[in-house]
Protein backbone atom coordinates (compact mmCIF):
# COMPACT_ATOMS: atom_id res chain seq x y z
CA MET A 1 0.05 0.02 0.17
CA ASP A 2 1.56 3.44 -1.29
CA TRP A 3 1.14 6.87 0.11
CA GLN A 4 -1.56 7.71 -2.43
CA ASP A 5 -3.71 4.38 -1.22
CA LEU A 6 -2.94 5.66 2.12
CA TYR A 7 -4.27 9.09 1.60
CA ARG A 8 -7.19 8.01 -0.36
CA GLU A 9 -8.20 5.60 2.45
CA PHE A 10 -8.14 8.67 4.97
CA ILE A 11 -10.13 10.79 2.86
CA THR A 12 -12.64 8.31 2.17
CA LEU A 13 -13.18 7.40 5.93
CA PHE A 14 -12.97 10.85 7.20
CA VAL A 15 -15.66 11.96 4.78
CA VAL A 16 -18.20 9.22 5.53
CA ILE A 17 -17.44 9.49 9.32
CA ASP A 18 -17.11 13.36 8.87
CA PRO A 19 -16.07 14.24 12.47
CA ILE A 20 -16.38 18.24 12.09
CA GLY A 21 -20.33 17.60 11.10
CA THR A 22 -20.45 15.42 14.25
CA VAL A 23 -19.95 18.21 16.21
CA PRO A 24 -23.24 19.97 16.05
CA VAL A 25 -24.99 17.16 16.79
CA TYR A 26 -22.97 16.55 19.89
CA LEU A 27 -23.60 19.60 21.01
CA TYR A 28 -27.29 19.15 20.97
CA ALA A 29 -27.24 15.96 22.15
CA ALA A 30 -25.22 17.00 25.58
CA LYS A 31 -27.29 19.70 26.21
CA SER A 32 -29.32 18.03 29.06
CA VAL A 33 -25.89 16.49 30.03
CA ARG A 34 -24.66 17.36 33.27
CA PRO A 35 -20.77 19.36 32.38
CA GLU A 36 -19.10 16.13 34.59
CA LEU A 37 -20.66 13.54 32.64
CA ARG A 38 -19.95 15.11 29.05
CA ILE A 39 -16.40 13.63 28.46
CA LYS A 40 -18.41 10.48 29.50
CA PHE A 41 -20.73 11.06 27.07
CA ALA A 42 -18.58 11.69 24.34
CA LEU A 43 -16.47 8.35 25.20
CA ARG A 44 -19.45 6.10 24.88
CA ALA A 45 -20.75 7.49 21.59
CA VAL A 46 -17.14 6.95 20.24
CA ILE A 47 -16.77 3.47 21.46
CA ILE A 48 -20.06 2.23 20.41
CA ALA A 49 -19.33 3.64 17.00
CA THR A 50 -15.85 2.07 16.88
CA CYS A 51 -17.39 -1.49 18.03
CA VAL A 52 -19.87 -1.28 15.03
CA LEU A 53 -17.38 -0.12 12.47
CA MET A 54 -14.60 -2.98 13.50
CA GLY A 55 -17.04 -5.48 13.80
CA PHE A 56 -18.15 -4.82 10.01
CA LEU A 57 -14.35 -4.33 9.33
CA VAL A 58 -13.46 -7.74 10.51
CA LEU A 59 -16.52 -9.92 9.71
CA GLY A 60 -18.63 -7.59 7.21
CA GLN A 61 -17.10 -9.78 4.00
CA ILE A 62 -17.69 -12.71 5.80
CA LEU A 63 -21.16 -11.91 6.21
CA LEU A 64 -21.65 -11.27 2.56
CA GLU A 65 -19.63 -14.32 1.17
CA THR A 66 -21.63 -16.74 3.89
CA LEU A 67 -24.98 -15.41 2.30
CA GLY A 68 -23.39 -15.83 -1.11
CA LEU A 69 -22.88 -12.57 -2.28
CA ARG A 70 -20.22 -11.03 -4.27
CA LEU A 71 -18.19 -7.97 -2.90
CA GLY A 72 -18.30 -6.75 -6.26
CA SER A 73 -22.15 -6.41 -6.27
CA PHE A 74 -21.68 -4.77 -2.42
CA GLN A 75 -19.47 -2.51 -3.73
CA VAL A 76 -21.80 -1.47 -6.95
CA ALA A 77 -24.65 -1.52 -4.19
CA GLY A 78 -22.57 0.16 -1.50
CA GLY A 79 -21.65 2.78 -4.10
CA ILE A 80 -25.13 3.50 -5.57
CA ILE A 81 -26.10 4.39 -1.66
CA LEU A 82 -22.85 6.24 -1.00
CA PHE A 83 -23.97 8.47 -4.12
CA LEU A 84 -27.78 9.27 -2.90
CA PHE A 85 -26.07 9.53 0.72
CA ALA A 86 -23.69 12.46 -1.27
CA LEU A 87 -26.38 13.99 -3.12
CA ASP A 88 -28.32 14.71 0.46
CA MET A 89 -25.15 16.11 1.93
CA ILE A 90 -24.96 18.35 -0.96
CA PHE A 91 -28.62 19.48 -1.87
CA GLY A 92 -30.41 18.11 1.24
CA GLN A 93 -30.39 19.03 4.50
CA SER A 94 -26.76 19.13 6.14
CA LYS A 95 -25.65 16.17 8.49
CA PRO A 96 -26.35 17.69 11.60
CA ALA A 97 -29.93 19.39 10.82
CA SER A 98 -31.31 15.99 9.91
CA GLU A 99 -29.66 14.09 12.87
CA ILE A 100 -30.17 16.91 15.29
CA GLU A 101 -34.25 16.17 14.81
CA MET A 102 -33.70 12.93 16.38
CA VAL A 103 -31.78 13.89 19.52
CA ASP A 104 -32.90 12.27 22.97
CA GLN A 105 -32.63 14.74 25.99
CA ASP A 106 -30.48 12.13 27.95
CA LEU A 107 -27.59 10.08 27.67
CA SER A 108 -29.22 7.74 25.29
CA GLY A 109 -28.22 10.03 22.83
CA ALA A 110 -24.71 9.02 22.96
CA VAL A 111 -25.96 6.05 21.01
CA PHE A 112 -28.46 7.35 19.22
CA PRO A 113 -27.91 9.64 16.71
CA LEU A 114 -24.31 10.28 17.75
CA ALA A 115 -22.83 6.96 17.99
CA MET A 116 -25.37 5.85 15.17
CA PRO A 117 -25.89 7.30 12.45
CA SER A 118 -23.68 10.23 13.08
CA ILE A 119 -20.18 8.66 13.58
CA ALA A 120 -20.87 5.14 12.38
CA SER A 121 -23.01 6.25 9.62
CA PRO A 122 -24.34 3.64 6.79
CA GLY A 123 -21.61 5.07 4.38
CA ALA A 124 -19.15 4.75 6.98
CA ILE A 125 -20.34 0.87 7.47
CA LEU A 126 -20.01 0.51 3.56
CA ALA A 127 -16.74 2.22 3.25
CA VAL A 128 -15.14 -0.32 5.63
CA VAL A 129 -16.04 -3.10 4.08
CA ILE A 130 -15.32 -1.99 0.58
CA LEU A 131 -11.77 -0.77 1.78
CA THR A 132 -11.10 -4.05 3.53
CA ASP A 133 -11.67 -6.42 0.46
CA ASN A 134 -9.83 -9.90 1.41
CA HIS A 135 -9.52 -11.23 -1.78
CA ARG A 136 -7.38 -8.12 -2.93
CA ASN A 137 -5.85 -6.87 0.48
CA SER A 138 -3.70 -8.84 2.63
CA ILE A 139 -4.08 -9.16 6.34
CA SER A 140 -1.38 -6.01 6.73
CA GLU A 141 -3.09 -3.58 4.47
CA GLN A 142 -6.62 -4.56 6.41
CA ALA A 143 -4.89 -4.01 9.50
CA ILE A 144 -3.46 -0.58 8.12
CA THR A 145 -6.92 0.36 7.16
CA ALA A 146 -8.26 -0.44 10.81
CA GLY A 147 -5.40 2.06 12.19
CA ILE A 148 -6.65 4.79 9.50
CA LEU A 149 -10.00 4.22 10.92
CA LEU A 150 -9.14 4.17 14.61
CA SER A 151 -7.00 7.65 13.88
CA ILE A 152 -9.92 8.77 12.39
CA LEU A 153 -12.28 7.81 15.43
CA VAL A 154 -9.58 9.47 17.99
CA LEU A 155 -9.81 12.75 15.76
CA THR A 156 -13.85 12.79 16.43
CA PHE A 157 -13.23 12.31 19.92
CA VAL A 158 -11.11 14.89 20.53
CA LEU A 159 -13.36 17.34 18.63
CA LEU A 160 -16.39 16.41 20.60
CA LEU A 161 -14.15 17.58 23.51
CA VAL A 162 -13.21 20.77 22.15
CA ALA A 163 -16.78 21.14 20.77
CA THR A 164 -17.72 24.36 21.84
CA ARG A 165 -14.33 25.91 20.69
CA VAL A 166 -15.12 24.34 17.51
CA GLN A 167 -18.81 25.76 16.95
CA LYS A 168 -17.24 29.17 17.87
CA VAL A 169 -14.91 28.81 15.00
CA ILE A 170 -16.70 27.56 12.52
CA GLY A 171 -20.70 28.50 13.39
CA GLU A 172 -23.67 26.41 11.79
CA THR A 173 -23.07 27.92 8.50
CA GLY A 174 -19.49 26.67 8.53
CA ALA A 175 -20.56 23.46 9.31
CA SER A 176 -22.87 23.04 6.91
CA ILE A 177 -20.47 24.45 4.07
CA ILE A 178 -17.99 21.87 4.99
CA SER A 179 -20.49 19.02 4.97
CA ARG A 180 -21.63 20.05 1.33
CA ILE A 181 -17.93 19.86 -0.19
CA MET A 182 -17.66 16.29 2.24
CA GLY A 183 -20.41 15.37 0.10
CA LEU A 184 -19.08 16.56 -3.35
CA VAL A 185 -16.14 14.17 -2.55
CA LEU A 186 -17.99 11.43 -1.63
CA ALA A 187 -19.84 11.65 -4.72
CA THR A 188 -16.66 11.06 -6.43
CA VAL A 189 -15.85 8.14 -4.17
CA ALA A 190 -19.02 6.39 -5.05
CA VAL A 191 -18.50 6.69 -8.49
CA ASP A 192 -15.09 4.92 -8.27
CA ALA A 193 -16.47 2.28 -6.00
CA ILE A 194 -19.32 1.73 -8.66
CA ILE A 195 -16.46 1.33 -11.24
CA ASN A 196 -14.08 -1.05 -9.06
CA GLY A 197 -17.68 -2.99 -8.67
CA LEU A 198 -18.34 -3.57 -12.16
CA VAL A 199 -14.87 -4.32 -12.94
CA SER A 200 -14.46 -6.84 -10.33
CA LEU A 201 -17.85 -8.60 -11.52
CA ASN A 202 -16.32 -8.46 -15.11
CA LEU A 203 -18.07 -5.85 -16.88
CA THR A 204 -18.07 -7.62 -20.45
CA SER A 205 -19.75 -10.97 -19.00
CA LEU A 206 -22.45 -8.49 -17.85
CA PHE A 207 -23.22 -7.25 -21.28
CA GLY A 208 -23.23 -11.07 -22.49
CA THR A 209 -19.90 -10.34 -24.81
């Protein structure tokens, strides 16, 4: 795995997890949480999201193959879903606005919507399975992907700890703009995933040639 691959994987996971876009969701979810419990609140959310994403990283493809599904098909389906998710980020409500509406005013907000679907989003789950294709990546390469994932989750936790300061710097408008820019990047990643999926399925055989 070269530096270009590392950079691509980091950008992909950073976009789908969207640590910056998670900050407004956290701020709203933690409104009713006592200040002394907010670190525990943020940690709980990140740990749950980490367990979910690492679980899919390790077992996601095995589950697909057990069900008799090809990863190429999953890549195409996942790419389409990622693309729709990206369109929603670009043209629809921003990530914070749509997920803030789902917040409960207690510690359960650390699970839903903060851990899921804000941090461990459907896009993130799809991405970790696609990026750790057992047939194309060695165990060491998958371990590197896992390390990149963990580094982004640690960054997410750090941003949550300084969330109040971050919000003052970027504001709600800034978070919305960043979310839309990331949506554009994610759309590009989604198209690439669809193309790679079609190639792995043997594009010519799909058209009977």
